[in-house]
Amino acid sequence: MNLDVLLSLYKNDPRCFQIADRITLSSPQHLHLKGLQGSASQFVIAAVFNQSITAQTNHLVILRDAEEAAYFHNTLENITNALDIFYFPSSFKNKKNYQLLNSSHVMLRTECLTKFSTAAPDARVGAVITYPEALFEKVVLSKTLSSNIISFKQGETIDVDGILKRFVEYGFSRTDFVYEPGQFAVRGGILDIYSFGNEKPYRIELFGNEIDSIRIFD
């Protein structure tokens, strides 16, 4: 039995349709599923997520801890090939030092928050996989996040010094070469930015103050 057949069996199971139907009701629902072994819970979530009745519904899945959430997210993403399933981890490297940020985790959080804050009203963004520790962290309001996004467009003229000042105000560090999120570098007419909202850094090539090209690099 291949993966597509297995996913189809779950999706067409009346019990999965019943779950999808219940969670779309306006009043809160309390459902309890038991007897799920191995990856069965991920297949159930995938089946509910892909039901036509939940096509406009965003999903929040809360696991018990970071390890369980990471495994759940990885399995769910693999079986669905989904591009709209987001992992929302804690920002910190460990529980003992809340000053030590995990840059890759901050990037994942930023990507998730940006997607949901900039989405059109009533538009489905996807599913968030997380755990209590990550949800305890405060986040900026969606309007505040949207208003602080810096956008660049090829062919536009920018105030380079003003942009660099804004990077510093946002907590970015100026380095010779960028190698982790939260850094930027300037060399001649080249501006490299490692945003928290993208897996790879951006390279902006300038002709004077005009943006000549924008590309992602490794």
N, C-alpha and C. Protein backbone atom coordinates (compact mmCIF):
# COMPACT_ATOMS: atom_id res chain seq x y z
N MET A 1 0.85 -1.19 0.00
CA MET A 1 0.00 0.00 0.00
C MET A 1 0.89 1.25 0.00
N ASN A 2 0.70 2.14 -1.01
CA ASN A 2 1.54 3.33 -1.05
C ASN A 2 0.92 4.46 -0.21
N LEU A 3 1.67 5.54 -0.09
CA LEU A 3 1.27 6.64 0.78
C LEU A 3 -0.03 7.30 0.33
N ASP A 4 -0.19 7.50 -0.97
CA ASP A 4 -1.39 8.16 -1.48
C ASP A 4 -2.66 7.37 -1.16
N VAL A 5 -2.57 6.04 -1.27
CA VAL A 5 -3.71 5.20 -0.96
C VAL A 5 -4.05 5.29 0.53
N LEU A 6 -3.01 5.27 1.36
CA LEU A 6 -3.21 5.34 2.80
C LEU A 6 -3.84 6.68 3.21
N LEU A 7 -3.35 7.78 2.62
CA LEU A 7 -3.91 9.09 2.91
C LEU A 7 -5.37 9.17 2.47
N SER A 8 -5.67 8.55 1.32
CA SER A 8 -7.04 8.55 0.81
C SER A 8 -7.97 7.77 1.74
N LEU A 9 -7.49 6.67 2.29
CA LEU A 9 -8.30 5.87 3.21
C LEU A 9 -8.65 6.68 4.46
N TYR A 10 -7.67 7.40 4.98
CA TYR A 10 -7.94 8.24 6.15
C TYR A 10 -8.91 9.37 5.80
N LYS A 11 -8.66 10.04 4.67
CA LYS A 11 -9.50 11.18 4.29
C LYS A 11 -10.95 10.78 4.08
N ASN A 12 -11.17 9.59 3.54
CA ASN A 12 -12.53 9.13 3.24
C ASN A 12 -13.18 8.38 4.41
N ASP A 13 -12.46 8.25 5.51
CA ASP A 13 -13.02 7.58 6.67
C ASP A 13 -14.08 8.49 7.31
N PRO A 14 -15.28 7.99 7.58
CA PRO A 14 -16.36 8.81 8.16
C PRO A 14 -15.97 9.46 9.48
N ARG A 15 -15.09 8.82 10.24
CA ARG A 15 -14.70 9.37 11.53
C ARG A 15 -13.87 10.65 11.36
N CYS A 16 -13.00 10.68 10.34
CA CYS A 16 -12.22 11.89 10.07
C CYS A 16 -13.11 13.01 9.56
N PHE A 17 -14.10 12.65 8.76
CA PHE A 17 -15.05 13.67 8.29
C PHE A 17 -15.84 14.22 9.47
N GLN A 18 -16.19 13.36 10.42
CA GLN A 18 -16.95 13.79 11.60
C GLN A 18 -16.12 14.77 12.43
N ILE A 19 -14.82 14.50 12.56
CA ILE A 19 -13.94 15.41 13.30
C ILE A 19 -13.91 16.77 12.60
N ALA A 20 -13.74 16.75 11.28
CA ALA A 20 -13.69 18.00 10.51
C ALA A 20 -14.99 18.77 10.65
N ASP A 21 -16.09 18.05 10.64
CA ASP A 21 -17.40 18.69 10.76
C ASP A 21 -17.57 19.34 12.13
N ARG A 22 -17.11 18.66 13.16
CA ARG A 22 -17.28 19.18 14.52
C ARG A 22 -16.42 20.41 14.78
N ILE A 23 -15.19 20.43 14.29
CA ILE A 23 -14.30 21.56 14.60
C ILE A 23 -14.65 22.82 13.81
N THR A 24 -15.51 22.68 12.82
CA THR A 24 -15.93 23.87 12.07
C THR A 24 -17.20 24.51 12.67
N LEU A 25 -17.75 23.90 13.71
CA LEU A 25 -18.92 24.47 14.36
C LEU A 25 -18.54 25.74 15.12
N SER A 26 -19.46 26.64 15.28
CA SER A 26 -19.16 27.92 15.93
C SER A 26 -18.91 27.76 17.43
N SER A 27 -19.53 26.78 18.06
CA SER A 27 -19.33 26.57 19.49
C SER A 27 -18.14 25.65 19.73
N PRO A 28 -17.42 25.83 20.86
CA PRO A 28 -16.26 24.99 21.15
C PRO A 28 -16.64 23.51 21.25
N GLN A 29 -15.77 22.66 20.74
CA GLN A 29 -16.01 21.22 20.76
C GLN A 29 -14.89 20.52 21.52
N HIS A 30 -15.23 19.50 22.28
CA HIS A 30 -14.24 18.71 23.00
C HIS A 30 -14.31 17.28 22.47
N LEU A 31 -13.27 16.89 21.75
CA LEU A 31 -13.22 15.55 21.16
C LEU A 31 -12.05 14.79 21.76
N HIS A 32 -12.24 13.51 21.94
CA HIS A 32 -11.17 12.67 22.47
C HIS A 32 -10.98 11.48 21.54
N LEU A 33 -9.75 11.33 21.03
CA LEU A 33 -9.42 10.19 20.17
C LEU A 33 -8.50 9.26 20.94
N LYS A 34 -8.78 7.99 20.91
CA LYS A 34 -7.93 7.04 21.61
C LYS A 34 -7.57 5.88 20.67
N GLY A 35 -6.53 5.18 21.05
CA GLY A 35 -6.10 4.03 20.25
C GLY A 35 -5.21 4.37 19.07
N LEU A 36 -4.74 5.62 19.00
CA LEU A 36 -3.86 6.01 17.89
C LEU A 36 -2.43 5.60 18.20
N GLN A 37 -1.84 4.85 17.32
CA GLN A 37 -0.48 4.36 17.52
C GLN A 37 0.44 4.86 16.41
N GLY A 38 1.73 4.99 16.72
CA GLY A 38 2.71 5.37 15.70
C GLY A 38 2.39 6.73 15.10
N SER A 39 2.28 6.76 13.77
CA SER A 39 2.01 8.01 13.05
C SER A 39 0.53 8.22 12.76
N ALA A 40 -0.33 7.45 13.43
CA ALA A 40 -1.76 7.55 13.14
C ALA A 40 -2.30 8.95 13.40
N SER A 41 -1.81 9.61 14.45
CA SER A 41 -2.32 10.95 14.76
C SER A 41 -1.99 11.94 13.65
N GLN A 42 -0.79 11.80 13.04
CA GLN A 42 -0.43 12.68 11.93
C GLN A 42 -1.31 12.43 10.72
N PHE A 43 -1.65 11.18 10.48
CA PHE A 43 -2.53 10.86 9.35
C PHE A 43 -3.94 11.41 9.59
N VAL A 44 -4.40 11.37 10.83
CA VAL A 44 -5.72 11.92 11.15
C VAL A 44 -5.73 13.43 10.93
N ILE A 45 -4.70 14.11 11.43
CA ILE A 45 -4.60 15.56 11.23
C ILE A 45 -4.54 15.90 9.75
N ALA A 46 -3.76 15.14 8.98
CA ALA A 46 -3.65 15.38 7.54
C ALA A 46 -5.01 15.20 6.87
N ALA A 47 -5.76 14.17 7.28
CA ALA A 47 -7.07 13.91 6.69
C ALA A 47 -8.05 15.04 7.00
N VAL A 48 -8.02 15.52 8.25
CA VAL A 48 -8.91 16.62 8.65
C VAL A 48 -8.50 17.91 7.95
N PHE A 49 -7.20 18.14 7.86
CA PHE A 49 -6.67 19.35 7.24
C PHE A 49 -7.07 19.44 5.77
N ASN A 50 -7.14 18.30 5.10
CA ASN A 50 -7.42 18.28 3.66
C ASN A 50 -8.89 18.06 3.31
N GLN A 51 -9.76 18.05 4.30
CA GLN A 51 -11.19 17.95 4.01
C GLN A 51 -11.69 19.24 3.36
N SER A 52 -12.61 19.13 2.44
CA SER A 52 -13.14 20.33 1.78
C SER A 52 -13.85 21.25 2.77
N ILE A 53 -14.45 20.65 3.80
CA ILE A 53 -15.20 21.44 4.77
C ILE A 53 -14.29 22.32 5.63
N THR A 54 -13.00 21.97 5.72
CA THR A 54 -12.05 22.76 6.51
C THR A 54 -11.09 23.55 5.62
N ALA A 55 -11.45 23.73 4.36
CA ALA A 55 -10.56 24.38 3.39
C ALA A 55 -10.20 25.81 3.78
N GLN A 56 -11.04 26.46 4.60
CA GLN A 56 -10.77 27.83 5.02
C GLN A 56 -10.39 27.92 6.50
N THR A 57 -10.08 26.78 7.09
CA THR A 57 -9.82 26.73 8.53
C THR A 57 -8.33 26.61 8.82
N ASN A 58 -7.81 27.50 9.65
CA ASN A 58 -6.44 27.36 10.14
C ASN A 58 -6.42 26.39 11.32
N HIS A 59 -5.32 25.69 11.48
CA HIS A 59 -5.22 24.67 12.52
C HIS A 59 -4.05 24.96 13.46
N LEU A 60 -4.28 24.72 14.75
CA LEU A 60 -3.23 24.84 15.75
C LEU A 60 -3.12 23.50 16.48
N VAL A 61 -1.95 22.87 16.39
CA VAL A 61 -1.73 21.57 17.02
C VAL A 61 -0.68 21.76 18.12
N ILE A 62 -1.06 21.50 19.37
CA ILE A 62 -0.17 21.70 20.51
C ILE A 62 0.26 20.34 21.06
N LEU A 63 1.57 20.07 21.00
CA LEU A 63 2.12 18.83 21.54
C LEU A 63 2.66 19.06 22.94
N ARG A 64 3.13 18.00 23.57
CA ARG A 64 3.54 18.11 24.97
C ARG A 64 4.87 18.82 25.16
N ASP A 65 5.82 18.63 24.24
CA ASP A 65 7.13 19.27 24.40
C ASP A 65 7.76 19.48 23.03
N ALA A 66 8.95 20.09 23.03
CA ALA A 66 9.62 20.46 21.79
C ALA A 66 9.97 19.24 20.93
N GLU A 67 10.45 18.18 21.57
CA GLU A 67 10.84 16.98 20.82
C GLU A 67 9.63 16.34 20.13
N GLU A 68 8.55 16.21 20.86
CA GLU A 68 7.34 15.61 20.29
C GLU A 68 6.78 16.47 19.16
N ALA A 69 6.83 17.80 19.34
CA ALA A 69 6.33 18.71 18.31
C ALA A 69 7.18 18.64 17.05
N ALA A 70 8.51 18.55 17.22
CA ALA A 70 9.40 18.49 16.07
C ALA A 70 9.18 17.21 15.26
N TYR A 71 9.04 16.09 15.94
CA TYR A 71 8.78 14.82 15.26
C TYR A 71 7.42 14.85 14.55
N PHE A 72 6.44 15.40 15.24
CA PHE A 72 5.09 15.48 14.67
C PHE A 72 5.10 16.31 13.41
N HIS A 73 5.74 17.47 13.48
CA HIS A 73 5.82 18.37 12.32
C HIS A 73 6.55 17.71 11.16
N ASN A 74 7.66 17.06 11.44
CA ASN A 74 8.44 16.42 10.39
C ASN A 74 7.64 15.33 9.68
N THR A 75 6.94 14.51 10.46
CA THR A 75 6.13 13.44 9.87
C THR A 75 4.97 14.00 9.06
N LEU A 76 4.28 14.98 9.63
CA LEU A 76 3.13 15.57 8.94
C LEU A 76 3.56 16.22 7.63
N GLU A 77 4.68 16.92 7.65
CA GLU A 77 5.17 17.58 6.44
C GLU A 77 5.58 16.55 5.39
N ASN A 78 6.18 15.46 5.82
CA ASN A 78 6.62 14.42 4.88
C ASN A 78 5.45 13.70 4.22
N ILE A 79 4.40 13.42 4.98
CA ILE A 79 3.30 12.64 4.39
C ILE A 79 2.37 13.50 3.54
N THR A 80 2.41 14.82 3.74
CA THR A 80 1.50 15.69 2.98
C THR A 80 2.20 16.51 1.90
N ASN A 81 3.54 16.58 1.97
CA ASN A 81 4.30 17.46 1.07
C ASN A 81 3.77 18.90 1.13
N ALA A 82 3.30 19.29 2.30
CA ALA A 82 2.64 20.59 2.46
C ALA A 82 3.65 21.71 2.63
N LEU A 83 3.34 22.84 2.03
CA LEU A 83 4.17 24.03 2.18
C LEU A 83 3.56 25.01 3.18
N ASP A 84 2.39 24.67 3.70
CA ASP A 84 1.69 25.58 4.61
C ASP A 84 1.51 24.97 5.99
N ILE A 85 2.51 24.19 6.42
CA ILE A 85 2.51 23.64 7.77
C ILE A 85 3.74 24.22 8.47
N PHE A 86 3.53 24.95 9.55
CA PHE A 86 4.60 25.72 10.18
C PHE A 86 4.94 25.16 11.56
N TYR A 87 6.23 25.07 11.83
CA TYR A 87 6.72 24.68 13.15
C TYR A 87 6.99 25.96 13.94
N PHE A 88 6.42 26.07 15.14
CA PHE A 88 6.53 27.28 15.95
C PHE A 88 7.23 26.92 17.27
N PRO A 89 8.56 27.02 17.30
CA PRO A 89 9.31 26.61 18.50
C PRO A 89 9.55 27.77 19.46
N SER A 90 10.17 27.47 20.58
CA SER A 90 10.62 28.48 21.51
C SER A 90 11.82 29.21 20.91
N SER A 91 12.06 30.45 21.32
CA SER A 91 13.15 31.25 20.76
C SER A 91 14.51 30.92 21.35
N PHE A 92 14.53 30.18 22.45
CA PHE A 92 15.76 30.06 23.21
C PHE A 92 16.43 28.70 23.04
N LYS A 93 17.75 28.70 23.26
CA LYS A 93 18.52 27.46 23.08
C LYS A 93 18.27 26.47 24.20
N ASN A 94 18.03 26.96 25.40
CA ASN A 94 17.72 26.06 26.51
C ASN A 94 16.85 26.78 27.53
N LYS A 95 16.31 26.03 28.46
CA LYS A 95 15.38 26.57 29.44
C LYS A 95 16.08 27.34 30.56
N LYS A 96 17.39 27.18 30.68
CA LYS A 96 18.11 27.79 31.80
C LYS A 96 18.63 29.19 31.48
N ASN A 97 18.76 29.50 30.20
CA ASN A 97 19.30 30.81 29.82
C ASN A 97 18.39 31.46 28.79
N TYR A 98 17.57 32.39 29.26
CA TYR A 98 16.61 33.04 28.37
C TYR A 98 17.21 34.25 27.66
N GLN A 99 18.53 34.41 27.76
CA GLN A 99 19.21 35.45 27.00
C GLN A 99 19.89 34.86 25.76
N LEU A 100 19.97 33.54 25.71
CA LEU A 100 20.68 32.87 24.62
C LEU A 100 19.68 32.43 23.56
N LEU A 101 19.59 33.20 22.50
CA LEU A 101 18.61 32.93 21.45
C LEU A 101 19.09 31.87 20.48
N ASN A 102 18.15 31.08 19.99
CA ASN A 102 18.41 30.13 18.92
C ASN A 102 17.97 30.80 17.62
N SER A 103 18.94 31.22 16.79
CA SER A 103 18.62 32.03 15.60
C SER A 103 17.70 31.30 14.64
N SER A 104 17.90 30.00 14.46
CA SER A 104 17.06 29.25 13.53
C SER A 104 15.62 29.17 14.04
N HIS A 105 15.45 29.09 15.37
CA HIS A 105 14.12 29.05 15.94
C HIS A 105 13.43 30.41 15.82
N VAL A 106 14.19 31.48 16.03
CA VAL A 106 13.63 32.82 15.85
C VAL A 106 13.17 33.01 14.41
N MET A 107 13.93 32.46 13.48
CA MET A 107 13.58 32.55 12.06
C MET A 107 12.28 31.81 11.79
N LEU A 108 12.12 30.63 12.36
CA LEU A 108 10.89 29.85 12.17
C LEU A 108 9.69 30.57 12.77
N ARG A 109 9.86 31.15 13.94
CA ARG A 109 8.77 31.89 14.58
C ARG A 109 8.38 33.10 13.74
N THR A 110 9.40 33.81 13.24
CA THR A 110 9.15 35.00 12.44
C THR A 110 8.42 34.65 11.15
N GLU A 111 8.85 33.56 10.51
CA GLU A 111 8.20 33.13 9.28
C GLU A 111 6.72 32.84 9.53
N CYS A 112 6.46 32.12 10.60
CA CYS A 112 5.08 31.75 10.93
C CYS A 112 4.23 32.98 11.24
N LEU A 113 4.75 33.86 12.09
CA LEU A 113 3.99 35.06 12.47
C LEU A 113 3.77 35.97 11.27
N THR A 114 4.77 36.08 10.41
CA THR A 114 4.65 36.94 9.23
C THR A 114 3.57 36.41 8.29
N LYS A 115 3.55 35.10 8.08
CA LYS A 115 2.54 34.51 7.19
C LYS A 115 1.13 34.78 7.69
N PHE A 116 0.92 34.63 8.99
CA PHE A 116 -0.42 34.80 9.53
C PHE A 116 -0.80 36.28 9.66
N SER A 117 0.17 37.13 9.93
CA SER A 117 -0.16 38.55 10.13
C SER A 117 -0.39 39.28 8.82
N THR A 118 0.17 38.78 7.72
CA THR A 118 0.02 39.47 6.43
C THR A 118 -1.03 38.81 5.54
N ALA A 119 -1.68 37.77 6.03
CA ALA A 119 -2.69 37.08 5.22
C ALA A 119 -3.95 37.93 5.07
N ALA A 120 -4.63 37.75 3.97
CA ALA A 120 -5.89 38.46 3.74
C ALA A 120 -6.94 37.96 4.73
N PRO A 121 -7.89 38.81 5.10
CA PRO A 121 -8.96 38.39 6.03
C PRO A 121 -9.70 37.15 5.51
N ASP A 122 -9.94 36.21 6.41
CA ASP A 122 -10.67 34.98 6.10
C ASP A 122 -9.92 34.04 5.15
N ALA A 123 -8.66 34.34 4.86
CA ALA A 123 -7.87 33.46 4.00
C ALA A 123 -7.15 32.42 4.86
N ARG A 124 -7.14 31.20 4.39
CA ARG A 124 -6.46 30.15 5.15
C ARG A 124 -4.95 30.24 4.93
N VAL A 125 -4.20 30.18 6.02
CA VAL A 125 -2.74 30.19 5.94
C VAL A 125 -2.20 28.77 6.05
N GLY A 126 -2.71 28.01 7.02
CA GLY A 126 -2.25 26.64 7.15
C GLY A 126 -2.38 26.12 8.57
N ALA A 127 -1.40 25.32 8.98
CA ALA A 127 -1.41 24.70 10.30
C ALA A 127 -0.13 25.05 11.05
N VAL A 128 -0.26 25.27 12.36
CA VAL A 128 0.87 25.56 13.22
C VAL A 128 1.07 24.39 14.18
N ILE A 129 2.30 23.89 14.22
CA ILE A 129 2.64 22.80 15.14
C ILE A 129 3.54 23.39 16.23
N THR A 130 3.14 23.27 17.48
CA THR A 130 3.90 23.91 18.54
C THR A 130 3.76 23.15 19.85
N TYR A 131 4.20 23.77 20.95
CA TYR A 131 4.13 23.16 22.28
C TYR A 131 4.01 24.28 23.31
N PRO A 132 3.58 24.00 24.54
CA PRO A 132 3.26 25.05 25.51
C PRO A 132 4.38 26.06 25.74
N GLU A 133 5.61 25.59 25.90
CA GLU A 133 6.73 26.49 26.18
C GLU A 133 6.88 27.56 25.11
N ALA A 134 6.66 27.18 23.85
CA ALA A 134 6.77 28.15 22.75
C ALA A 134 5.62 29.14 22.76
N LEU A 135 4.44 28.70 23.20
CA LEU A 135 3.27 29.57 23.23
C LEU A 135 3.31 30.56 24.38
N PHE A 136 4.12 30.27 25.42
CA PHE A 136 4.20 31.16 26.57
C PHE A 136 4.89 32.48 26.22
N GLU A 137 5.71 32.49 25.20
CA GLU A 137 6.44 33.70 24.82
C GLU A 137 5.50 34.75 24.25
N LYS A 138 5.73 35.98 24.64
CA LYS A 138 4.94 37.06 24.08
C LYS A 138 5.37 37.33 22.63
N VAL A 139 4.43 37.73 21.82
CA VAL A 139 4.73 38.09 20.43
C VAL A 139 4.14 39.46 20.14
N VAL A 140 4.67 40.12 19.12
CA VAL A 140 4.17 41.44 18.77
C VAL A 140 2.80 41.31 18.13
N LEU A 141 2.01 42.37 18.21
CA LEU A 141 0.72 42.39 17.54
C LEU A 141 0.92 42.29 16.04
N SER A 142 -0.03 41.66 15.36
CA SER A 142 0.10 41.46 13.92
C SER A 142 0.23 42.78 13.17
N LYS A 143 -0.50 43.82 13.62
CA LYS A 143 -0.41 45.12 12.96
C LYS A 143 0.98 45.71 13.14
N THR A 144 1.55 45.54 14.33
CA THR A 144 2.90 46.06 14.59
C THR A 144 3.92 45.33 13.74
N LEU A 145 3.78 44.01 13.65
CA LEU A 145 4.71 43.22 12.84
C LEU A 145 4.64 43.65 11.38
N SER A 146 3.42 43.80 10.86
CA SER A 146 3.25 44.17 9.46
C SER A 146 3.85 45.54 9.17
N SER A 147 3.69 46.47 10.11
CA SER A 147 4.18 47.83 9.88
C SER A 147 5.69 47.94 9.97
N ASN A 148 6.36 46.94 10.56
CA ASN A 148 7.81 46.98 10.71
C ASN A 148 8.55 46.12 9.70
N ILE A 149 7.84 45.54 8.75
CA ILE A 149 8.50 44.76 7.70
C ILE A 149 9.17 45.70 6.70
N ILE A 150 10.42 45.46 6.40
CA ILE A 150 11.15 46.25 5.42
C ILE A 150 11.10 45.52 4.08
N SER A 151 10.58 46.17 3.07
CA SER A 151 10.43 45.56 1.75
C SER A 151 11.34 46.25 0.74
N PHE A 152 11.88 45.45 -0.19
CA PHE A 152 12.72 45.97 -1.26
C PHE A 152 12.15 45.52 -2.60
N LYS A 153 12.31 46.34 -3.60
CA LYS A 153 11.83 46.02 -4.93
C LYS A 153 12.89 46.43 -5.96
N GLN A 154 13.12 45.55 -6.90
CA GLN A 154 14.11 45.84 -7.95
C GLN A 154 13.72 47.11 -8.71
N GLY A 155 14.69 47.99 -8.90
CA GLY A 155 14.46 49.22 -9.65
C GLY A 155 14.13 50.42 -8.79
N GLU A 156 13.81 50.20 -7.50
CA GLU A 156 13.47 51.34 -6.65
C GLU A 156 14.74 51.96 -6.06
N THR A 157 14.64 53.23 -5.69
CA THR A 157 15.75 53.96 -5.08
C THR A 157 15.55 53.96 -3.57
N ILE A 158 16.60 53.67 -2.83
CA ILE A 158 16.49 53.57 -1.38
C ILE A 158 17.50 54.50 -0.71
N ASP A 159 17.21 54.84 0.54
CA ASP A 159 18.13 55.60 1.38
C ASP A 159 19.00 54.57 2.12
N VAL A 160 20.17 54.31 1.59
CA VAL A 160 21.02 53.23 2.12
C VAL A 160 21.35 53.47 3.59
N ASP A 161 21.80 54.67 3.92
CA ASP A 161 22.16 54.96 5.32
C ASP A 161 20.96 54.81 6.25
N GLY A 162 19.79 55.25 5.76
CA GLY A 162 18.58 55.12 6.57
C GLY A 162 18.20 53.66 6.79
N ILE A 163 18.36 52.84 5.75
CA ILE A 163 18.05 51.41 5.86
C ILE A 163 18.99 50.74 6.85
N LEU A 164 20.28 51.06 6.78
CA LEU A 164 21.25 50.45 7.69
C LEU A 164 20.94 50.85 9.14
N LYS A 165 20.50 52.09 9.34
CA LYS A 165 20.14 52.55 10.67
C LYS A 165 18.94 51.76 11.20
N ARG A 166 17.96 51.49 10.33
CA ARG A 166 16.78 50.72 10.74
C ARG A 166 17.16 49.29 11.11
N PHE A 167 18.11 48.69 10.37
CA PHE A 167 18.57 47.34 10.70
C PHE A 167 19.11 47.31 12.14
N VAL A 168 19.92 48.30 12.48
CA VAL A 168 20.51 48.36 13.83
C VAL A 168 19.41 48.55 14.87
N GLU A 169 18.43 49.40 14.56
CA GLU A 169 17.32 49.62 15.49
C GLU A 169 16.51 48.36 15.71
N TYR A 170 16.44 47.50 14.68
CA TYR A 170 15.70 46.24 14.78
C TYR A 170 16.52 45.13 15.43
N GLY A 171 17.74 45.45 15.85
CA GLY A 171 18.56 44.46 16.55
C GLY A 171 19.48 43.65 15.67
N PHE A 172 19.62 44.03 14.39
CA PHE A 172 20.54 43.32 13.51
C PHE A 172 21.98 43.75 13.80
N SER A 173 22.92 42.84 13.54
CA SER A 173 24.34 43.12 13.75
C SER A 173 25.05 43.24 12.41
N ARG A 174 25.93 44.24 12.31
CA ARG A 174 26.71 44.41 11.08
C ARG A 174 27.96 43.56 11.15
N THR A 175 28.18 42.72 10.15
CA THR A 175 29.32 41.82 10.10
C THR A 175 29.99 41.92 8.74
N ASP A 176 31.16 41.31 8.63
CA ASP A 176 31.85 41.28 7.34
C ASP A 176 31.13 40.36 6.36
N PHE A 177 30.66 39.23 6.87
CA PHE A 177 29.92 38.26 6.06
C PHE A 177 28.77 37.71 6.90
N VAL A 178 27.60 37.58 6.31
CA VAL A 178 26.45 37.06 7.06
C VAL A 178 26.49 35.54 7.09
N TYR A 179 26.21 34.96 8.25
CA TYR A 179 26.20 33.50 8.36
C TYR A 179 25.05 32.99 9.24
N GLU A 180 24.29 33.92 9.86
CA GLU A 180 23.13 33.50 10.63
C GLU A 180 22.10 34.63 10.64
N PRO A 181 20.82 34.28 10.89
CA PRO A 181 19.78 35.31 10.90
C PRO A 181 20.09 36.43 11.88
N GLY A 182 19.70 37.66 11.49
CA GLY A 182 19.94 38.81 12.34
C GLY A 182 21.21 39.55 12.01
N GLN A 183 21.79 39.29 10.84
CA GLN A 183 23.02 39.95 10.45
C GLN A 183 22.86 40.65 9.10
N PHE A 184 23.68 41.68 8.86
CA PHE A 184 23.76 42.30 7.55
C PHE A 184 25.20 42.73 7.29
N ALA A 185 25.55 42.82 6.02
CA ALA A 185 26.92 43.20 5.63
C ALA A 185 26.85 44.09 4.40
N VAL A 186 27.77 45.05 4.35
CA VAL A 186 27.85 45.97 3.21
C VAL A 186 29.27 45.93 2.67
N ARG A 187 29.37 45.65 1.37
CA ARG A 187 30.68 45.66 0.70
C ARG A 187 30.50 46.35 -0.65
N GLY A 188 30.95 47.61 -0.73
CA GLY A 188 30.79 48.34 -1.98
C GLY A 188 29.32 48.50 -2.30
N GLY A 189 28.91 48.02 -3.46
CA GLY A 189 27.52 48.13 -3.89
C GLY A 189 26.71 46.89 -3.59
N ILE A 190 27.18 46.06 -2.67
CA ILE A 190 26.47 44.83 -2.31
C ILE A 190 25.99 44.90 -0.87
N LEU A 191 24.71 44.65 -0.67
CA LEU A 191 24.10 44.62 0.66
C LEU A 191 23.56 43.22 0.91
N ASP A 192 24.14 42.51 1.87
CA ASP A 192 23.67 41.17 2.25
C ASP A 192 22.84 41.28 3.52
N ILE A 193 21.69 40.64 3.53
CA ILE A 193 20.80 40.66 4.68
C ILE A 193 20.36 39.24 4.99
N TYR A 194 20.60 38.81 6.23
CA TYR A 194 20.10 37.50 6.66
C TYR A 194 18.87 37.75 7.53
N SER A 195 17.72 37.70 6.91
CA SER A 195 16.45 37.99 7.59
C SER A 195 16.04 36.83 8.49
N PHE A 196 15.25 37.16 9.51
CA PHE A 196 14.67 36.11 10.36
C PHE A 196 13.50 35.43 9.66
N GLY A 197 13.07 36.00 8.55
CA GLY A 197 11.89 35.46 7.86
C GLY A 197 12.20 34.60 6.67
N ASN A 198 13.48 34.22 6.47
CA ASN A 198 13.82 33.40 5.31
C ASN A 198 14.97 32.46 5.66
N GLU A 199 14.97 31.28 5.07
CA GLU A 199 15.99 30.28 5.40
C GLU A 199 17.37 30.66 4.89
N LYS A 200 17.43 31.44 3.82
CA LYS A 200 18.72 31.84 3.26
C LYS A 200 18.78 33.36 3.17
N PRO A 201 20.00 33.92 3.16
CA PRO A 201 20.13 35.38 3.12
C PRO A 201 19.86 35.96 1.73
N TYR A 202 19.56 37.26 1.72
CA TYR A 202 19.32 37.98 0.48
C TYR A 202 20.56 38.79 0.11
N ARG A 203 20.81 38.91 -1.16
CA ARG A 203 21.88 39.78 -1.65
C ARG A 203 21.25 40.83 -2.56
N ILE A 204 21.42 42.09 -2.17
CA ILE A 204 20.91 43.21 -2.96
C ILE A 204 22.09 43.92 -3.60
N GLU A 205 22.10 43.99 -4.91
CA GLU A 205 23.16 44.68 -5.63
C GLU A 205 22.65 46.07 -6.00
N LEU A 206 23.43 47.08 -5.64
CA LEU A 206 23.03 48.47 -5.83
C LEU A 206 23.83 49.12 -6.95
N PHE A 207 23.17 50.01 -7.67
CA PHE A 207 23.82 50.88 -8.63
C PHE A 207 23.57 52.30 -8.12
N GLY A 208 24.54 52.78 -7.32
CA GLY A 208 24.30 54.01 -6.59
C GLY A 208 23.33 53.72 -5.46
N ASN A 209 22.18 54.37 -5.46
CA ASN A 209 21.13 54.10 -4.47
C ASN A 209 19.96 53.32 -5.06
N GLU A 210 20.11 52.86 -6.32
CA GLU A 210 19.06 52.11 -6.98
C GLU A 210 19.33 50.61 -6.87
N ILE A 211 18.26 49.86 -6.59
CA ILE A 211 18.40 48.40 -6.46
C ILE A 211 18.46 47.80 -7.88
N ASP A 212 19.62 47.23 -8.18
CA ASP A 212 19.83 46.65 -9.52
C ASP A 212 19.31 45.22 -9.58
N SER A 213 19.52 44.45 -8.49
CA SER A 213 19.05 43.06 -8.48
C SER A 213 18.88 42.59 -7.05
N ILE A 214 18.01 41.61 -6.86
CA ILE A 214 17.79 40.96 -5.56
C ILE A 214 17.79 39.46 -5.76
N ARG A 215 18.58 38.76 -4.98
CA ARG A 215 18.60 37.30 -5.12
C ARG A 215 18.91 36.66 -3.77
N ILE A 216 18.59 35.39 -3.69
CA ILE A 216 18.91 34.60 -2.50
C ILE A 216 20.19 33.84 -2.76
N PHE A 217 21.06 33.76 -1.74
CA PHE A 217 22.31 33.01 -1.93
C PHE A 217 22.56 32.11 -0.73
N ASP A 218 23.47 31.17 -0.93
CA ASP A 218 23.80 30.21 0.12
C ASP A 218 25.03 30.74 0.88
